[in-house]
Amino acid sequence: MNIHAIRAIYLFEMARAWRTLMQSIISPVISTSLYFVVFGAAIGQHMAAIDGVDYGAFIVPGLIMLTLLMQSISNASFGIYFPRFTGTIYEVLSAPVSPFEIVAGYVGAAATKSVLLGLIILATSTLFVPVRIEHPVLMLAFLVLTAVTFSLFGFIIGIWADGFEKLQLVPLLIVTPLTFLGGSFYSIEMLPPFWQTVSLFNPVVYLVSAFRWSFFGQAEVDLGLSLGMTGVFLVLCLGGIAWIFRSGYRLKV
């Protein structure tokens, strides 16, 4: 394994994040803070507690997960697509770097940026609502697992896309609606039985439920099932990337 190659790609991607600090870090934090102000501090004061948890605190895991999913996909997809678009990907392809090392560098950097952003948003949320974390180690582990999984998914999108329109297609038209309908702002137990059943076909429900459990010890879906669904999606992403490289696909537009 070429550790130096992985490190070079990783550090280059992290340096790009610091160069675009406003876009990479500050902008998502400000956007999420507006949710805390509106739904937490303003509307949350007039909402009943959900399972004994204040509404403002209840939405914190969902908002972190919303940002984590979007940023993981965005960071990884843009990270691999932009070199393809500018032609600098040939510098990577001409180097003695294996597909695994390319994926490790880009996905590792994307996941790191997403986890850091999630932790910053978590710290920011304490300025607006009282937050407790009953299982901090598991919360952090699930944060990392989700970031890696969706960074892999974003990497696949970045390889598949042949234009900036396709790059935004999946995050905006599929991931965002699924996240909003996945219990980020409500408990699916509040829905009628029919819509509860329909919600269980939404994979984001399992992510939000498990992440919320790490905060409050309560989950709408069985924890083991939630972790199992996340593991299945991780395996599917790994399999997708392996198939792309084994099929001889080239990282070029």
Protein backbone atom coordinates (compact mmCIF):
# COMPACT_ATOMS: atom_id res chain seq x y z
CA MET A 1 0.00 0.00 0.00
CA ASN A 2 1.31 3.44 -0.99
CA ILE A 3 0.75 5.41 2.22
CA HIS A 4 2.47 8.46 0.77
CA ALA A 5 -0.04 8.59 -2.11
CA ILE A 6 -3.02 8.35 0.23
CA ARG A 7 -1.53 11.04 2.46
CA ALA A 8 -0.85 13.34 -0.50
CA ILE A 9 -4.43 13.10 -1.82
CA TYR A 10 -5.87 13.43 1.67
CA LEU A 11 -3.82 16.53 2.56
CA PHE A 12 -4.55 18.14 -0.81
CA GLU A 13 -8.30 17.73 -0.30
CA MET A 14 -8.12 19.00 3.28
CA ALA A 15 -6.08 22.02 2.15
CA ARG A 16 -8.79 22.80 -0.42
CA ALA A 17 -11.35 22.86 2.38
CA TRP A 18 -9.33 25.42 4.34
CA ARG A 19 -8.90 27.54 1.20
CA THR A 20 -12.68 27.59 0.74
CA LEU A 21 -13.51 27.93 4.43
CA MET A 22 -16.61 30.06 3.85
CA GLN A 23 -18.16 27.54 1.48
CA SER A 24 -16.95 24.38 3.20
CA ILE A 25 -17.52 25.15 6.88
CA ILE A 26 -19.04 28.53 7.67
CA SER A 27 -21.92 28.45 5.17
CA PRO A 28 -23.34 25.05 6.29
CA VAL A 29 -23.02 26.06 9.96
CA ILE A 30 -24.91 29.31 9.37
CA SER A 31 -27.62 27.52 7.38
CA THR A 32 -28.12 24.91 10.09
CA SER A 33 -28.08 27.60 12.80
CA LEU A 34 -31.11 29.17 11.11
CA TYR A 35 -32.97 25.89 11.61
CA PHE A 36 -32.08 26.01 15.31
CA VAL A 37 -33.29 29.61 15.57
CA VAL A 38 -36.60 28.99 13.77
CA PHE A 39 -37.50 25.44 14.81
CA GLY A 40 -35.64 25.28 18.10
CA ALA A 41 -35.78 28.65 19.79
CA ALA A 42 -38.93 30.10 18.15
CA ILE A 43 -41.34 27.31 17.15
CA GLY A 44 -39.88 24.82 19.61
CA GLN A 45 -41.13 26.82 22.59
CA HIS A 46 -44.70 26.23 21.44
CA MET A 47 -44.28 22.54 20.60
CA ALA A 48 -45.01 19.72 23.01
CA ALA A 49 -42.15 17.53 24.17
CA ILE A 50 -41.63 14.32 22.20
CA ASP A 51 -41.06 11.28 24.44
CA GLY A 52 -39.99 13.64 27.22
CA VAL A 53 -37.48 15.51 25.03
CA ASP A 54 -37.91 19.20 24.25
CA TYR A 55 -38.63 19.74 20.57
CA GLY A 56 -35.64 22.03 20.12
CA ALA A 57 -33.30 19.33 21.42
CA PHE A 58 -35.21 16.57 19.61
CA ILE A 59 -34.38 17.97 16.16
CA VAL A 60 -30.63 18.34 16.84
CA PRO A 61 -29.67 14.77 15.74
CA GLY A 62 -31.85 15.09 12.64
CA LEU A 63 -30.29 18.40 11.62
CA ILE A 64 -26.78 17.08 12.15
CA MET A 65 -27.64 14.01 10.07
CA LEU A 66 -29.17 16.20 7.34
CA THR A 67 -25.97 18.25 7.07
CA LEU A 68 -23.74 15.17 7.37
CA LEU A 69 -25.42 13.33 4.51
CA MET A 70 -25.43 16.32 2.17
CA GLN A 71 -21.85 17.36 2.93
CA SER A 72 -20.45 13.83 2.73
CA ILE A 73 -21.95 13.34 -0.71
CA SER A 74 -21.02 16.83 -1.87
CA ASN A 75 -17.42 16.73 -0.62
CA ALA A 76 -16.64 13.33 -2.11
CA SER A 77 -18.43 13.82 -5.43
CA PHE A 78 -16.94 17.25 -6.08
CA GLY A 79 -13.52 16.10 -4.86
CA ILE A 80 -13.23 13.43 -7.56
CA TYR A 81 -15.27 15.17 -10.29
CA PHE A 82 -13.41 18.49 -10.34
CA PRO A 83 -10.03 16.92 -11.23
CA ARG A 84 -11.81 15.04 -14.02
CA PHE A 85 -13.37 18.29 -15.22
CA THR A 86 -10.08 20.23 -15.23
CA GLY A 87 -7.97 17.33 -16.52
CA THR A 88 -5.69 17.17 -13.48
CA ILE A 89 -6.96 13.64 -12.79
CA TYR A 90 -4.33 12.43 -15.30
CA GLU A 91 -1.65 13.37 -12.77
CA VAL A 92 -3.21 10.86 -10.37
CA LEU A 93 -3.74 8.21 -13.04
CA SER A 94 -0.14 8.45 -14.25
CA ALA A 95 1.23 8.00 -10.71
CA PRO A 96 1.84 4.57 -9.15
CA VAL A 97 -1.42 4.73 -7.20
CA SER A 98 -3.95 1.91 -6.98
CA PRO A 99 -7.75 2.42 -7.11
CA PHE A 100 -7.95 1.57 -3.40
CA GLU A 101 -5.47 4.31 -2.55
CA ILE A 102 -7.36 6.84 -4.67
CA VAL A 103 -10.62 5.99 -2.93
CA ALA A 104 -8.98 6.03 0.51
CA GLY A 105 -7.51 9.49 -0.06
CA TYR A 106 -10.60 11.19 -1.47
CA VAL A 107 -13.17 9.43 0.72
CA GLY A 108 -11.04 9.82 3.85
CA ALA A 109 -10.78 13.58 3.32
CA ALA A 110 -14.50 13.94 2.53
CA ALA A 111 -15.49 11.95 5.62
CA THR A 112 -13.10 13.93 7.83
CA LYS A 113 -14.55 17.25 6.66
CA SER A 114 -18.09 16.00 7.23
CA VAL A 115 -17.36 14.71 10.74
CA LEU A 116 -15.66 17.98 11.71
CA LEU A 117 -18.64 19.91 10.37
CA GLY A 118 -21.05 17.68 12.28
CA LEU A 119 -19.16 18.26 15.52
CA ILE A 120 -19.10 22.03 14.92
CA ILE A 121 -22.86 22.02 14.35
CA LEU A 122 -23.32 19.96 17.52
CA ALA A 123 -21.33 22.53 19.49
CA THR A 124 -23.30 25.34 17.85
CA SER A 125 -26.62 23.73 18.79
CA THR A 126 -25.78 24.06 22.49
CA LEU A 127 -25.97 27.85 22.06
CA PHE A 128 -29.67 27.57 21.17
CA VAL A 129 -31.08 24.50 22.92
CA PRO A 130 -30.04 22.26 25.82
CA VAL A 131 -28.54 19.04 24.44
CA ARG A 132 -27.60 15.86 26.25
CA ILE A 133 -25.70 12.90 24.82
CA GLU A 134 -26.24 9.64 26.68
CA HIS A 135 -23.87 7.58 24.54
CA PRO A 136 -21.11 9.92 23.28
CA VAL A 137 -18.75 7.16 22.08
CA LEU A 138 -21.46 5.45 20.05
CA MET A 139 -22.61 8.83 18.76
CA LEU A 140 -19.14 9.58 17.45
CA ALA A 141 -18.76 6.07 16.01
CA PHE A 142 -22.08 6.32 14.18
CA LEU A 143 -21.15 9.80 12.95
CA VAL A 144 -17.94 8.44 11.42
CA LEU A 145 -19.67 5.35 9.98
CA THR A 146 -22.35 7.45 8.29
CA ALA A 147 -19.82 9.96 6.97
CA VAL A 148 -17.66 7.22 5.43
CA THR A 149 -20.67 5.42 3.94
CA PHE A 150 -22.12 8.48 2.23
CA SER A 151 -18.70 9.74 1.18
CA LEU A 152 -18.32 6.44 -0.70
CA PHE A 153 -21.74 7.06 -2.22
CA GLY A 154 -20.66 10.57 -3.19
CA PHE A 155 -17.49 9.19 -4.78
CA ILE A 156 -19.63 6.95 -6.97
CA ILE A 157 -21.75 9.94 -7.99
CA GLY A 158 -18.60 11.91 -8.81
CA ILE A 159 -17.41 9.13 -11.11
CA TRP A 160 -20.82 8.68 -12.72
CA ALA A 161 -21.51 12.37 -13.34
CA ASP A 162 -20.45 13.87 -16.67
CA GLY A 163 -21.61 17.39 -15.82
CA PHE A 164 -22.34 19.64 -12.85
CA GLU A 165 -26.07 19.07 -13.34
CA LYS A 166 -25.74 15.34 -12.69
CA LEU A 167 -23.46 16.10 -9.75
CA GLN A 168 -26.36 17.85 -7.99
CA LEU A 169 -29.13 15.57 -9.24
CA VAL A 170 -28.99 12.85 -6.59
CA PRO A 171 -28.32 15.08 -3.53
CA LEU A 172 -31.06 17.61 -4.36
CA LEU A 173 -33.78 15.40 -5.83
CA ILE A 174 -33.31 12.21 -3.83
CA VAL A 175 -31.22 12.59 -0.66
CA THR A 176 -32.69 15.90 0.57
CA PRO A 177 -36.37 14.82 0.29
CA LEU A 178 -35.59 11.46 1.91
CA THR A 179 -33.85 13.25 4.80
CA PHE A 180 -36.70 15.68 5.40
CA LEU A 181 -39.18 12.79 5.28
CA GLY A 182 -36.94 10.57 7.39
CA GLY A 183 -37.87 11.89 10.80
CA SER A 184 -35.39 14.75 11.04
CA PHE A 185 -38.05 17.14 12.38
CA TYR A 186 -40.55 14.68 13.82
CA SER A 187 -40.93 11.19 15.18
CA ILE A 188 -42.41 8.71 12.73
CA GLU A 189 -44.48 7.40 15.66
CA MET A 190 -46.52 10.60 15.32
CA LEU A 191 -47.70 9.48 11.87
CA PRO A 192 -50.78 7.34 11.13
CA PRO A 193 -50.03 3.59 10.97
CA PHE A 194 -50.08 3.50 7.17
CA TRP A 195 -47.52 6.30 6.81
CA GLN A 196 -45.38 4.75 9.54
CA THR A 197 -45.15 1.63 7.38
CA VAL A 198 -44.36 3.70 4.29
CA SER A 199 -41.64 5.57 6.21
CA LEU A 200 -39.86 2.31 6.97
CA PHE A 201 -38.98 2.07 3.26
CA ASN A 202 -36.98 5.29 3.64
CA PRO A 203 -33.37 4.33 4.49
CA VAL A 204 -32.70 7.69 6.14
CA VAL A 205 -35.24 6.82 8.87
CA TYR A 206 -32.84 4.18 10.19
CA LEU A 207 -29.89 6.60 10.18
CA VAL A 208 -31.75 9.33 12.04
CA SER A 209 -33.30 6.88 14.50
CA ALA A 210 -29.98 5.30 15.49
CA PHE A 211 -28.26 8.67 15.74
CA ARG A 212 -31.08 10.05 17.91
CA TRP A 213 -30.81 7.00 20.15
CA SER A 214 -27.17 7.88 20.90
CA PHE A 215 -28.40 11.25 22.19
CA PHE A 216 -31.54 10.40 24.17
CA GLY A 217 -31.58 6.61 24.46
CA GLN A 218 -34.80 6.50 22.43
CA ALA A 219 -35.34 5.24 18.90
CA GLU A 220 -38.32 4.81 16.60
CA VAL A 221 -36.67 1.79 14.95
CA ASP A 222 -34.78 -1.07 16.56
CA LEU A 223 -31.12 -0.10 16.98
CA GLY A 224 -29.80 -3.37 15.57
CA LEU A 225 -31.94 -2.97 12.47
CA SER A 226 -30.71 0.60 12.00
CA LEU A 227 -27.06 -0.45 12.23
CA GLY A 228 -27.76 -3.38 9.92
CA MET A 229 -29.29 -1.11 7.27
CA THR A 230 -26.30 1.24 7.50
CA GLY A 231 -23.94 -1.71 7.15
CA VAL A 232 -25.83 -3.00 4.10
CA PHE A 233 -25.59 0.41 2.41
CA LEU A 234 -21.86 0.57 3.21
CA VAL A 235 -21.30 -2.84 1.63
CA LEU A 236 -23.31 -1.82 -1.43
CA CYS A 237 -21.20 1.33 -1.86
CA LEU A 238 -17.97 -0.64 -1.50
CA GLY A 239 -19.24 -3.18 -3.98
CA GLY A 240 -20.23 -0.45 -6.41
CA ILE A 241 -16.78 1.13 -6.31
CA ALA A 242 -15.09 -2.27 -6.69
CA TRP A 243 -17.27 -3.05 -9.72
CA ILE A 244 -16.47 0.33 -11.31
CA PHE A 245 -12.74 -0.21 -11.14
CA ARG A 246 -12.84 -3.89 -12.07
CA SER A 247 -14.92 -3.09 -15.14
CA GLY A 248 -12.06 -0.96 -16.43
CA TYR A 249 -13.81 2.38 -15.96
CA ARG A 250 -11.45 5.32 -16.36
CA LEU A 251 -11.57 8.40 -14.16
CA LYS A 252 -12.02 10.88 -16.96
CA VAL A 253 -14.88 12.90 -18.42
